[in-house]
Amino acid sequence: MVSLFEILHEDPDLLVLRKPAGLVCHPTKGDEYSSLVSRVRIHLGFEPHMIHRLDRETGGVMVFAKTDEAAAGLRALWAAGLVTKEYVALVQGRMPAGDGFLDAPLGPAADSAVAIKDCVRPDGAAARTRWRCEGSFRRGDGDWHSLVRVWLDTGRKHQIRIHLAHLGHPIVGDKIYGGDERIYLDFVEGRLSEAQRRFLRLPFHALHAERLWFPWTGAELGFHAPPEPWFAGFAAGDEVPWFEDPFAPPPGSRSGPTPGAGPSAGPVPLVPRADPQHG
């Protein structure tokens, strides 16, 4: 029997769960277990209200509403900015300790071969990210990495990933914003090389939605989901063996360039394996 997900909290109005890294939120053309929404539908026996989203490779706390009334209430909280989401990330390099923020508008990366890629651009939508670097560590190969906590004041697509990369500290394992977008093109085609895997270090990007809290029926509800073992192991300095994506779609189901077009065939916008997501 397939384990659908880990439940953090459930009551007549809400379902709060841990989304595993690698599982897309929206329904796909795969089987009934291929998306988080379809798994929630199996658990509840009816169509859920998905209130917010996470990138496919981002794991962590997610909230679903079980009734129309609860969905309206939660969406009103999100719109009013009364929901706090705290992420934890592992980034490349030695980031200065302490707090900081970045106000940098985001919009499409028009010159990129990756159709879903955005970037910092002056005519983009307003985006603000706050962070705290909690420390840096040097791994056995001599490379520095840092553990960063992040809070969003806006919710743009790929916001955390873009802003941290813009600061010169891309997230470990990020296939789009980690320094070589060709890795994403080859990933979509299912042809990652050993050299690319060594460059990535991790099969998923190291970004995790660890905490979420909001006011609800006269009290404040808070939820917590620690990072997955591969994330915690890398942060502890362990060597994390490469592992295959347990939620990967069947062979041949990935969209990509025209058949026969190699990675040097020029910019070819790609349809991603899963919907681009916020967070």
Protein backbone atom coordinates (compact mmCIF):
# COMPACT_ATOMS: atom_id res chain seq x y z
CA MET A 1 0.00 0.00 0.00
CA VAL A 2 1.30 3.43 -0.98
CA SER A 3 1.96 5.84 1.89
CA LEU A 4 0.14 8.97 0.76
CA PHE A 5 1.88 11.58 2.98
CA GLU A 6 2.66 12.46 6.58
CA ILE A 7 -0.22 14.21 8.35
CA LEU A 8 0.80 17.01 10.72
CA HIS A 9 -2.74 18.04 11.72
CA GLU A 10 -6.29 17.26 10.70
CA ASP A 11 -9.64 18.54 11.90
CA PRO A 12 -13.07 19.09 10.27
CA ASP A 13 -11.78 22.19 8.42
CA LEU A 14 -8.07 21.72 7.81
CA LEU A 15 -5.58 19.14 6.61
CA VAL A 16 -1.94 20.05 7.24
CA LEU A 17 0.70 17.71 5.86
CA ARG A 18 4.34 17.33 4.98
CA LYS A 19 4.89 17.50 1.23
CA PRO A 20 7.86 15.34 0.26
CA ALA A 21 10.52 16.81 -2.02
CA GLY A 22 10.02 15.64 -5.59
CA LEU A 23 6.23 15.33 -5.54
CA VAL A 24 4.45 17.86 -7.74
CA CYS A 25 1.42 19.64 -6.27
CA HIS A 26 -0.92 19.68 -9.25
CA PRO A 27 -2.45 16.61 -10.92
CA THR A 28 -0.42 15.17 -13.79
CA LYS A 29 -0.98 12.66 -16.56
CA GLY A 30 0.50 9.96 -14.33
CA ASP A 31 -1.34 7.66 -11.99
CA GLU A 32 -3.46 8.63 -8.98
CA TYR A 33 -0.37 8.87 -6.77
CA SER A 34 1.63 11.17 -9.08
CA SER A 35 0.62 14.48 -7.46
CA LEU A 36 -0.02 15.78 -3.97
CA VAL A 37 -3.55 16.93 -4.82
CA SER A 38 -4.51 13.50 -6.13
CA ARG A 39 -3.15 11.86 -2.98
CA VAL A 40 -5.11 14.28 -0.79
CA ARG A 41 -8.21 13.44 -2.84
CA ILE A 42 -7.67 9.74 -2.11
CA HIS A 43 -7.28 10.47 1.61
CA LEU A 44 -10.34 12.70 1.91
CA GLY A 45 -12.60 11.06 -0.62
CA PHE A 46 -13.48 14.43 -2.18
CA GLU A 47 -11.82 17.34 -3.98
CA PRO A 48 -9.63 19.39 -1.63
CA HIS A 49 -8.93 23.12 -1.64
CA MET A 50 -5.20 23.68 -2.20
CA ILE A 51 -4.48 27.06 -0.58
CA HIS A 52 -0.82 27.51 -1.53
CA ARG A 53 1.88 25.72 -3.50
CA LEU A 54 5.49 24.64 -3.31
CA ASP A 55 7.98 23.90 -6.06
CA ARG A 56 8.18 20.24 -7.02
CA GLU A 57 11.58 19.83 -5.37
CA THR A 58 10.67 21.83 -2.24
CA GLY A 59 9.33 19.78 0.65
CA GLY A 60 7.66 20.92 3.84
CA VAL A 61 4.45 22.16 5.43
CA MET A 62 1.36 22.58 3.26
CA VAL A 63 -2.22 23.43 4.22
CA PHE A 64 -5.41 22.20 2.54
CA ALA A 65 -8.96 23.27 3.33
CA LYS A 66 -11.68 20.65 3.58
CA THR A 67 -14.68 23.00 3.24
CA ASP A 68 -15.58 26.02 1.11
CA GLU A 69 -15.86 28.18 4.24
CA ALA A 70 -12.41 27.18 5.52
CA ALA A 71 -10.90 27.78 2.07
CA ALA A 72 -12.37 31.30 1.94
CA GLY A 73 -11.03 32.04 5.42
CA LEU A 74 -7.53 30.78 4.64
CA ARG A 75 -7.34 32.63 1.34
CA ALA A 76 -8.35 35.82 3.12
CA LEU A 77 -5.48 35.30 5.59
CA TRP A 78 -3.02 34.78 2.75
CA ALA A 79 -4.27 37.86 0.91
CA ALA A 80 -3.97 39.97 4.07
CA GLY A 81 -0.40 38.83 4.70
CA LEU A 82 -1.30 37.18 8.01
CA VAL A 83 0.38 33.87 7.23
CA THR A 84 4.05 33.43 8.13
CA LYS A 85 6.11 30.84 6.27
CA GLU A 86 9.65 30.03 7.33
CA TYR A 87 11.99 28.21 5.00
CA VAL A 88 15.44 26.76 5.56
CA ALA A 89 17.99 26.54 2.76
CA LEU A 90 21.53 25.31 2.20
CA VAL A 91 23.41 27.68 -0.09
CA GLN A 92 26.75 27.76 -1.81
CA GLY A 93 29.51 29.86 -0.29
CA ARG A 94 30.16 31.55 3.01
CA MET A 95 27.25 33.94 3.54
CA PRO A 96 27.77 36.72 6.11
CA ALA A 97 26.20 35.87 9.45
CA GLY A 98 23.19 37.86 10.58
CA ASP A 99 19.98 39.21 9.09
CA GLY A 100 19.30 40.84 5.75
CA PHE A 101 16.67 41.46 3.11
CA LEU A 102 16.43 41.97 -0.62
CA ASP A 103 13.91 44.05 -2.54
CA ALA A 104 14.37 43.03 -6.16
CA PRO A 105 11.58 42.76 -8.76
CA LEU A 106 11.20 39.51 -10.68
CA GLY A 107 10.12 38.74 -14.23
CA PRO A 108 10.74 36.32 -17.09
CA ALA A 109 14.33 35.58 -18.10
CA ALA A 110 13.69 36.33 -21.75
CA ASP A 111 17.11 35.17 -22.99
CA SER A 112 16.97 31.79 -21.24
CA ALA A 113 16.38 28.45 -22.93
CA VAL A 114 14.38 27.39 -19.86
CA ALA A 115 10.78 28.52 -20.34
CA ILE A 116 9.97 28.67 -16.61
CA LYS A 117 13.06 30.64 -15.60
CA ASP A 118 12.66 34.11 -14.07
CA CYS A 119 15.24 36.67 -13.05
CA VAL A 120 15.74 40.00 -11.29
CA ARG A 121 14.71 42.75 -13.70
CA PRO A 122 13.68 46.38 -13.12
CA ASP A 123 10.32 46.03 -14.86
CA GLY A 124 9.33 42.91 -12.94
CA ALA A 125 6.83 42.36 -10.14
CA ALA A 126 7.82 43.58 -6.68
CA ALA A 127 9.48 40.88 -4.56
CA ARG A 128 10.93 41.05 -1.05
CA THR A 129 12.79 38.29 0.79
CA ARG A 130 14.17 38.36 4.34
CA TRP A 131 16.84 35.99 5.58
CA ARG A 132 19.07 35.07 8.49
CA CYS A 133 22.33 33.23 7.98
CA GLU A 134 22.67 30.88 10.94
CA GLY A 135 26.18 29.73 10.17
CA SER A 136 28.60 28.44 7.57
CA PHE A 137 30.43 25.14 7.34
CA ARG A 138 33.26 23.78 5.27
CA ARG A 139 32.91 20.33 3.80
CA GLY A 140 35.68 17.80 3.33
CA ASP A 141 36.40 18.98 -0.21
CA GLY A 142 37.09 22.49 1.08
CA ASP A 143 33.92 24.12 -0.27
CA TRP A 144 31.98 26.45 1.99
CA HIS A 145 28.21 26.28 2.44
CA SER A 146 25.77 28.18 4.65
CA LEU A 147 22.51 27.42 6.45
CA VAL A 148 19.96 30.19 5.89
CA ARG A 149 16.46 30.80 7.23
CA VAL A 150 14.17 32.67 4.86
CA TRP A 151 10.84 34.51 5.13
CA LEU A 152 8.78 35.76 2.20
CA ASP A 153 7.03 39.13 2.19
CA THR A 154 5.77 38.40 -1.34
CA GLY A 155 5.11 35.10 -3.08
CA ARG A 156 6.61 35.23 -6.57
CA LYS A 157 7.52 32.14 -8.56
CA HIS A 158 10.96 30.79 -7.54
CA GLN A 159 11.45 33.91 -5.42
CA ILE A 160 13.76 32.46 -2.77
CA ARG A 161 15.86 30.60 -5.31
CA ILE A 162 16.30 33.67 -7.53
CA HIS A 163 17.01 36.12 -4.72
CA LEU A 164 19.62 33.91 -3.05
CA ALA A 165 21.33 33.29 -6.40
CA HIS A 166 21.22 37.05 -7.09
CA LEU A 167 23.10 37.57 -3.82
CA GLY A 168 25.79 35.18 -5.04
CA HIS A 169 24.68 32.23 -2.90
CA PRO A 170 22.55 29.87 -5.01
CA ILE A 171 20.82 26.98 -3.30
CA VAL A 172 22.73 23.69 -3.35
CA GLY A 173 21.28 21.38 -6.00
CA ASP A 174 19.35 24.07 -7.88
CA LYS A 175 19.20 22.94 -11.51
CA ILE A 176 18.01 26.29 -12.90
CA TYR A 177 19.58 28.98 -10.73
CA GLY A 178 22.65 27.10 -9.47
CA GLY A 179 25.04 28.44 -12.09
CA ASP A 180 24.44 26.30 -15.19
CA GLU A 181 20.91 26.14 -16.58
CA ARG A 182 22.02 23.49 -19.10
CA ILE A 183 21.79 21.06 -16.20
CA TYR A 184 18.03 21.61 -16.10
CA LEU A 185 17.77 21.04 -19.86
CA ASP A 186 19.61 17.75 -19.55
CA PHE A 187 17.61 16.82 -16.44
CA VAL A 188 14.33 17.28 -18.31
CA GLU A 189 15.65 15.02 -21.05
CA GLY A 190 16.76 12.43 -18.48
CA ARG A 191 20.43 12.63 -19.38
CA LEU A 192 22.24 14.06 -16.36
CA SER A 193 25.92 13.15 -16.51
CA GLU A 194 28.01 12.05 -13.54
CA ALA A 195 29.85 15.38 -13.74
CA GLN A 196 26.54 17.25 -13.52
CA ARG A 197 25.48 15.17 -10.53
CA ARG A 198 28.74 15.96 -8.78
CA PHE A 199 28.17 19.65 -9.51
CA LEU A 200 24.65 19.55 -8.08
CA ARG A 201 25.72 17.56 -4.98
CA LEU A 202 22.07 16.69 -4.24
CA PRO A 203 19.26 15.27 -6.42
CA PHE A 204 16.82 17.94 -5.13
CA HIS A 205 17.49 21.57 -4.38
CA ALA A 206 18.10 22.16 -0.66
CA LEU A 207 15.10 24.36 0.14
CA HIS A 208 12.53 23.25 2.72
CA ALA A 209 9.33 24.90 4.03
CA GLU A 210 9.94 24.14 7.70
CA ARG A 211 7.32 26.20 9.58
CA LEU A 212 3.98 27.85 8.91
CA TRP A 213 1.62 29.64 11.28
CA PHE A 214 -1.49 31.82 11.11
CA PRO A 215 -4.41 33.03 13.28
CA TRP A 216 -7.41 30.72 13.25
CA THR A 217 -10.68 30.76 15.25
CA GLY A 218 -9.31 32.93 18.02
CA ALA A 219 -5.92 31.25 18.38
CA GLU A 220 -2.66 30.95 16.49
CA LEU A 221 -1.96 27.66 14.77
CA GLY A 222 1.62 26.67 14.05
CA PHE A 223 3.05 23.66 12.24
CA HIS A 224 6.57 22.30 11.86
CA ALA A 225 8.16 19.70 9.59
CA PRO A 226 11.94 19.16 9.91
CA PRO A 227 13.96 18.76 6.70
CA GLU A 228 14.33 15.33 5.13
CA PRO A 229 17.33 13.10 6.02
CA TRP A 230 19.33 13.92 2.86
CA PHE A 231 19.04 17.66 3.67
CA ALA A 232 19.98 17.20 7.32
CA GLY A 233 22.84 14.88 6.38
CA PHE A 234 24.38 17.38 3.97
CA ALA A 235 24.03 20.16 6.55
CA ALA A 236 25.88 17.92 9.04
CA GLY A 237 28.76 17.48 6.61
CA ASP A 238 27.90 13.93 5.59
CA GLU A 239 28.40 12.62 2.09
CA VAL A 240 24.91 12.12 0.68
CA PRO A 241 24.87 9.39 -2.00
CA TRP A 242 22.94 10.26 -5.13
CA PHE A 243 19.50 8.67 -5.13
CA GLU A 244 16.88 8.40 -7.83
CA ASP A 245 13.78 10.58 -7.67
CA PRO A 246 11.06 8.36 -6.16
CA PHE A 247 8.37 10.48 -7.84
CA ALA A 248 9.94 10.65 -11.30
CA PRO A 249 7.44 10.28 -14.17
CA PRO A 250 7.60 7.20 -16.40
CA PRO A 251 10.23 7.19 -19.19
CA GLY A 252 9.07 9.08 -22.26
CA SER A 253 6.65 11.31 -20.36
CA ARG A 254 9.01 14.27 -20.05
CA SER A 255 8.57 17.17 -22.42
CA GLY A 256 11.58 18.71 -24.08
CA PRO A 257 13.16 19.96 -27.31
CA THR A 258 12.41 18.65 -30.75
CA PRO A 259 13.75 15.09 -31.12
CA GLY A 260 17.32 15.10 -32.34
CA ALA A 261 18.06 18.54 -30.96
CA GLY A 262 21.10 18.25 -28.69
CA PRO A 263 22.06 20.57 -25.86
CA SER A 264 24.07 22.75 -28.25
CA ALA A 265 21.21 23.22 -30.72
CA GLY A 266 20.47 26.69 -29.39
CA PRO A 267 17.84 28.09 -27.02
CA VAL A 268 14.74 25.91 -27.18
CA PRO A 269 12.06 26.83 -24.63
CA LEU A 270 11.07 23.75 -22.69
CA VAL A 271 7.87 22.68 -21.07
CA PRO A 272 8.80 21.69 -17.50
CA ARG A 273 8.10 18.28 -16.02
CA ALA A 274 5.69 19.89 -13.61
CA ASP A 275 3.92 23.20 -13.18
CA PRO A 276 6.13 26.00 -11.91
CA GLN A 277 5.18 26.60 -8.32
CA HIS A 278 5.51 29.35 -5.75
CA GLY A 279 7.76 29.22 -2.70
